[in-house]
Amino acid sequence: MNDIAFPIVYEASVLPEWIDYNGHMNLAYYVVVFDQATDVLYDRLGVGIPYRDATGNSCFTVETHTIYEQE
């Protein structure tokens, strides 16, 4: 496994179509961004798509718990 620099940071832009009628990011898109960040993390940890292609093994999310505390 490669040397991994911490913290691992993922940045994304909020798309206009993700904004709800209250002017907030719709809660469903938080999960989309978390999923995208997880893909980046898996790549950095060496268990992303190349790992799956080479070994036939992979990681996936079985369950998430998202709590929206304060906007």
Protein backbone atom coordinates (compact mmCIF):
# COMPACT_ATOMS: atom_id res chain seq x y z
CA MET A 1 0.00 0.00 0.00
CA ASN A 2 1.26 3.48 -0.81
CA ASP A 3 2.16 6.02 1.81
CA ILE A 4 -1.05 7.91 2.51
CA ALA A 5 -1.01 11.53 3.61
CA PHE A 6 -3.65 12.42 6.17
CA PRO A 7 -6.08 14.03 6.29
CA ILE A 8 -7.57 12.86 3.02
CA VAL A 9 -9.66 15.77 1.76
CA TYR A 10 -12.40 15.62 -0.86
CA GLU A 11 -13.94 18.76 -2.30
CA ALA A 12 -16.99 18.99 -4.53
CA SER A 13 -19.18 21.73 -5.92
CA VAL A 14 -22.88 21.94 -5.12
CA LEU A 15 -24.73 21.87 -8.41
CA PRO A 16 -27.63 24.29 -8.90
CA GLU A 17 -30.08 21.42 -9.42
CA TRP A 18 -29.18 20.11 -5.95
CA ILE A 19 -30.68 23.19 -4.28
CA ASP A 20 -34.19 22.80 -2.88
CA TYR A 21 -36.98 25.39 -2.68
CA ASN A 22 -35.61 26.65 0.66
CA GLY A 23 -32.25 27.48 -0.91
CA HIS A 24 -30.53 24.54 0.82
CA MET A 25 -28.74 21.54 -0.62
CA ASN A 26 -31.32 18.75 -0.88
CA LEU A 27 -30.60 16.04 1.67
CA ALA A 28 -30.37 13.29 -0.97
CA TYR A 29 -27.32 14.93 -2.50
CA TYR A 30 -25.37 14.77 0.74
CA VAL A 31 -25.35 11.01 0.25
CA VAL A 32 -24.17 11.46 -3.36
CA VAL A 33 -21.22 13.58 -2.21
CA PHE A 34 -20.39 11.15 0.62
CA ASP A 35 -20.40 8.30 -1.94
CA GLN A 36 -18.09 10.22 -4.29
CA ALA A 37 -15.73 10.93 -1.39
CA THR A 38 -15.75 7.24 -0.43
CA ASP A 39 -14.63 6.32 -3.96
CA VAL A 40 -11.69 8.72 -3.61
CA LEU A 41 -10.84 7.24 -0.20
CA TYR A 42 -10.93 3.68 -1.58
CA ASP A 43 -8.56 4.72 -4.38
CA ARG A 44 -6.16 6.32 -1.88
CA LEU A 45 -6.27 3.20 0.30
CA GLY A 46 -5.56 0.99 -2.70
CA VAL A 47 -8.92 -0.79 -2.66
CA GLY A 48 -10.61 1.04 -5.55
CA ILE A 49 -11.38 -0.10 -9.09
CA PRO A 50 -7.82 -1.28 -9.95
CA TYR A 51 -7.87 -3.47 -6.82
CA ARG A 52 -11.24 -4.93 -7.84
CA ASP A 53 -10.03 -5.58 -11.37
CA ALA A 54 -6.85 -7.27 -10.13
CA THR A 55 -8.36 -9.36 -7.34
CA GLY A 56 -12.08 -9.72 -7.99
CA ASN A 57 -12.70 -8.27 -4.51
CA SER A 58 -14.20 -4.92 -3.64
CA CYS A 59 -15.68 -2.79 -0.90
CA PHE A 60 -19.16 -1.34 -0.79
CA THR A 61 -21.40 0.47 1.64
CA VAL A 62 -24.05 -1.66 3.28
CA GLU A 63 -25.63 1.01 5.45
CA THR A 64 -25.26 4.69 6.26
CA HIS A 65 -26.59 6.89 9.03
CA THR A 66 -26.76 10.56 8.14
CA ILE A 67 -27.77 13.02 10.82
CA TYR A 68 -28.57 16.57 9.78
CA GLU A 69 -27.67 18.68 12.81
CA GLN A 70 -27.83 22.41 12.32
CA GLU A 71 -27.65 23.83 8.86
